[in-house]
Amino acid sequence: MKISNIHQYESLLGKLEADVHAKIRSLFARCPTLHGFAVQTRATLPKDVDQNRIPDADLFVTDIGIYPKIDSQYDAIHDEITLAISDLVHDEPHAYDYLRGKTFARSLH
């Protein structure tokens, strides 16, 4: 790869990372009880997951951590995460490759 191509790639990667982190920060701000989640592909889902019961999708939100755990919030938070991930992949096509296999956690300061 030529040096100009490397710089262009690094610039695109930096923009993608900034966009992803901004969207995730916004998600955590909207969902104060959300503490973390993972993004997986169908191939990396646990073997005990019934493949016939999951939607036909490429990315899946798993391991959602909510505290305090209020079961009535789970569906709304799952929907918020799913929308954020969908928006990222729609707006930034390379976000699919960046997101898969990632775990996101709330930063405590």
C-alpha atoms as a PDB file:
ATOM      1  CA  MET A   1       0.000   0.000   0.000  1.00  0.00           C
ATOM      2  CA  LYS A   2       1.337   3.440  -0.902  1.00  0.00           C
ATOM      3  CA  ILE A   3       1.915   6.040   1.802  1.00  0.00           C
ATOM      4  CA  SER A   4      -0.915   8.260   0.509  1.00  0.00           C
ATOM      5  CA  ASN A   5      -3.264   5.262   0.613  1.00  0.00           C
ATOM      6  CA  ILE A   6      -2.181   4.482   4.174  1.00  0.00           C
ATOM      7  CA  HIS A   7      -2.887   8.072   5.252  1.00  0.00           C
ATOM      8  CA  GLN A   8      -6.253   7.989   3.507  1.00  0.00           C
ATOM      9  CA  TYR A   9      -7.107   4.680   5.220  1.00  0.00           C
ATOM     10  CA  GLU A  10      -6.026   6.022   8.631  1.00  0.00           C
ATOM     11  CA  SER A  11      -8.108   9.155   8.072  1.00  0.00           C
ATOM     12  CA  LEU A  12     -11.202   7.116   7.160  1.00  0.00           C
ATOM     13  CA  LEU A  13     -10.660   4.783  10.118  1.00  0.00           C
ATOM     14  CA  GLY A  14     -10.279   7.756  12.466  1.00  0.00           C
ATOM     15  CA  LYS A  15     -13.532   9.289  11.198  1.00  0.00           C
ATOM     16  CA  LEU A  16     -15.322   5.949  11.533  1.00  0.00           C
ATOM     17  CA  GLU A  17     -14.060   5.444  15.106  1.00  0.00           C
ATOM     18  CA  ALA A  18     -15.088   8.992  16.037  1.00  0.00           C
ATOM     19  CA  ASP A  19     -18.570   8.496  14.556  1.00  0.00           C
ATOM     20  CA  VAL A  20     -19.026   5.151  16.345  1.00  0.00           C
ATOM     21  CA  HIS A  21     -17.845   6.503  19.689  1.00  0.00           C
ATOM     22  CA  ALA A  22     -20.058   9.601  19.390  1.00  0.00           C
ATOM     23  CA  LYS A  23     -23.113   7.455  18.623  1.00  0.00           C
ATOM     24  CA  ILE A  24     -22.334   5.069  21.497  1.00  0.00           C
ATOM     25  CA  ARG A  25     -21.762   7.948  23.963  1.00  0.00           C
ATOM     26  CA  SER A  26     -25.127   9.370  22.912  1.00  0.00           C
ATOM     27  CA  LEU A  27     -26.745   5.957  23.402  1.00  0.00           C
ATOM     28  CA  PHE A  28     -25.345   5.667  26.942  1.00  0.00           C
ATOM     29  CA  ALA A  29     -26.534   9.217  27.698  1.00  0.00           C
ATOM     30  CA  ARG A  30     -30.087   8.344  26.573  1.00  0.00           C
ATOM     31  CA  CYS A  31     -30.075   5.059  28.515  1.00  0.00           C
ATOM     32  CA  PRO A  32     -28.642   5.776  31.985  1.00  0.00           C
ATOM     33  CA  THR A  33     -29.242   2.214  33.238  1.00  0.00           C
ATOM     34  CA  LEU A  34     -27.336   0.686  30.283  1.00  0.00           C
ATOM     35  CA  HIS A  35     -23.863  -0.379  31.355  1.00  0.00           C
ATOM     36  CA  GLY A  36     -22.703  -2.382  28.353  1.00  0.00           C
ATOM     37  CA  PHE A  37     -23.449  -4.648  25.416  1.00  0.00           C
ATOM     38  CA  ALA A  38     -21.762  -6.711  22.737  1.00  0.00           C
ATOM     39  CA  VAL A  39     -22.232  -6.872  18.971  1.00  0.00           C
ATOM     40  CA  GLN A  40     -21.863 -10.291  17.379  1.00  0.00           C
ATOM     41  CA  THR A  41     -22.361 -11.967  14.031  1.00  0.00           C
ATOM     42  CA  ARG A  42     -24.545 -15.024  13.541  1.00  0.00           C
ATOM     43  CA  ALA A  43     -21.428 -17.215  13.424  1.00  0.00           C
ATOM     44  CA  THR A  44     -20.278 -16.052  16.866  1.00  0.00           C
ATOM     45  CA  LEU A  45     -23.603 -16.517  18.664  1.00  0.00           C
ATOM     46  CA  PRO A  46     -23.623 -19.202  21.361  1.00  0.00           C
ATOM     47  CA  LYS A  47     -24.425 -22.668  20.062  1.00  0.00           C
ATOM     48  CA  ASP A  48     -27.452 -22.980  22.372  1.00  0.00           C
ATOM     49  CA  VAL A  49     -29.244 -20.122  20.565  1.00  0.00           C
ATOM     50  CA  ASP A  50     -32.097 -21.466  18.450  1.00  0.00           C
ATOM     51  CA  GLN A  51     -31.080 -20.219  14.986  1.00  0.00           C
ATOM     52  CA  ASN A  52     -34.690 -20.567  13.782  1.00  0.00           C
ATOM     53  CA  ARG A  53     -35.939 -18.083  16.381  1.00  0.00           C
ATOM     54  CA  ILE A  54     -33.612 -15.196  15.533  1.00  0.00           C
ATOM     55  CA  PRO A  55     -34.262 -12.690  12.756  1.00  0.00           C
ATOM     56  CA  ASP A  56     -32.479 -12.786   9.442  1.00  0.00           C
ATOM     57  CA  ALA A  57     -29.804 -10.224  10.269  1.00  0.00           C
ATOM     58  CA  ASP A  58     -26.048  -9.834  10.108  1.00  0.00           C
ATOM     59  CA  LEU A  59     -25.325  -8.222  13.482  1.00  0.00           C
ATOM     60  CA  PHE A  60     -26.842  -9.116  16.836  1.00  0.00           C
ATOM     61  CA  VAL A  61     -26.863  -7.212  20.111  1.00  0.00           C
ATOM     62  CA  THR A  62     -26.014  -9.524  23.013  1.00  0.00           C
ATOM     63  CA  ASP A  63     -24.885  -9.433  26.635  1.00  0.00           C
ATOM     64  CA  ILE A  64     -26.844  -6.306  27.496  1.00  0.00           C
ATOM     65  CA  GLY A  65     -25.918  -5.110  30.984  1.00  0.00           C
ATOM     66  CA  ILE A  66     -28.544  -3.030  32.767  1.00  0.00           C
ATOM     67  CA  TYR A  67     -28.272  -1.762  36.333  1.00  0.00           C
ATOM     68  CA  PRO A  68     -30.434  -1.522  38.214  1.00  0.00           C
ATOM     69  CA  LYS A  69     -32.016  -4.385  36.350  1.00  0.00           C
ATOM     70  CA  ILE A  70     -35.577  -3.480  35.522  1.00  0.00           C
ATOM     71  CA  ASP A  71     -37.036  -6.076  33.178  1.00  0.00           C
ATOM     72  CA  SER A  72     -39.557  -3.617  31.752  1.00  0.00           C
ATOM     73  CA  GLN A  73     -36.657  -1.509  30.391  1.00  0.00           C
ATOM     74  CA  TYR A  74     -34.916  -4.347  28.567  1.00  0.00           C
ATOM     75  CA  ASP A  75     -36.950  -4.212  25.334  1.00  0.00           C
ATOM     76  CA  ALA A  76     -36.746  -0.411  25.080  1.00  0.00           C
ATOM     77  CA  ILE A  77     -32.987  -0.423  25.662  1.00  0.00           C
ATOM     78  CA  HIS A  78     -32.495  -3.286  23.191  1.00  0.00           C
ATOM     79  CA  ASP A  79     -34.442  -1.264  20.605  1.00  0.00           C
ATOM     80  CA  GLU A  80     -32.317   1.852  21.303  1.00  0.00           C
ATOM     81  CA  ILE A  81     -29.111  -0.137  20.800  1.00  0.00           C
ATOM     82  CA  THR A  82     -30.429  -1.802  17.646  1.00  0.00           C
ATOM     83  CA  LEU A  83     -31.429   1.563  16.164  1.00  0.00           C
ATOM     84  CA  ALA A  84     -28.035   3.074  16.983  1.00  0.00           C
ATOM     85  CA  ILE A  85     -26.214   0.138  15.352  1.00  0.00           C
ATOM     86  CA  SER A  86     -28.513   0.240  12.311  1.00  0.00           C
ATOM     87  CA  ASP A  87     -27.976   3.987  11.900  1.00  0.00           C
ATOM     88  CA  LEU A  88     -24.208   3.549  12.113  1.00  0.00           C
ATOM     89  CA  VAL A  89     -24.144   0.808   9.477  1.00  0.00           C
ATOM     90  CA  HIS A  90     -26.467   2.820   7.229  1.00  0.00           C
ATOM     91  CA  ASP A  91     -24.465   6.054   7.565  1.00  0.00           C
ATOM     92  CA  GLU A  92     -21.016   4.421   7.566  1.00  0.00           C
ATOM     93  CA  PRO A  93     -20.953   1.191   5.479  1.00  0.00           C
ATOM     94  CA  HIS A  94     -17.577   0.189   6.964  1.00  0.00           C
ATOM     95  CA  ALA A  95     -19.091   0.317  10.448  1.00  0.00           C
ATOM     96  CA  TYR A  96     -20.329  -3.260   9.959  1.00  0.00           C
ATOM     97  CA  ASP A  97     -16.782  -4.627   9.965  1.00  0.00           C
ATOM     98  CA  TYR A  98     -15.736  -2.293  12.771  1.00  0.00           C
ATOM     99  CA  LEU A  99     -18.669  -3.173  15.059  1.00  0.00           C
ATOM    100  CA  ARG A 100     -18.734  -6.944  14.817  1.00  0.00           C
ATOM    101  CA  GLY A 101     -17.148  -8.606  17.794  1.00  0.00           C
ATOM    102  CA  LYS A 102     -16.959  -5.342  19.763  1.00  0.00           C
ATOM    103  CA  THR A 103     -18.082  -4.895  23.346  1.00  0.00           C
ATOM    104  CA  PHE A 104     -19.086  -1.449  24.541  1.00  0.00           C
ATOM    105  CA  ALA A 105     -19.147  -0.417  28.188  1.00  0.00           C
ATOM    106  CA  ARG A 106     -20.158   2.727  29.989  1.00  0.00           C
ATOM    107  CA  SER A 107     -17.180   4.837  31.045  1.00  0.00           C
ATOM    108  CA  LEU A 108     -17.301   5.933  34.633  1.00  0.00           C
ATOM    109  CA  HIS A 109     -15.445   9.105  35.500  1.00  0.00           C
END
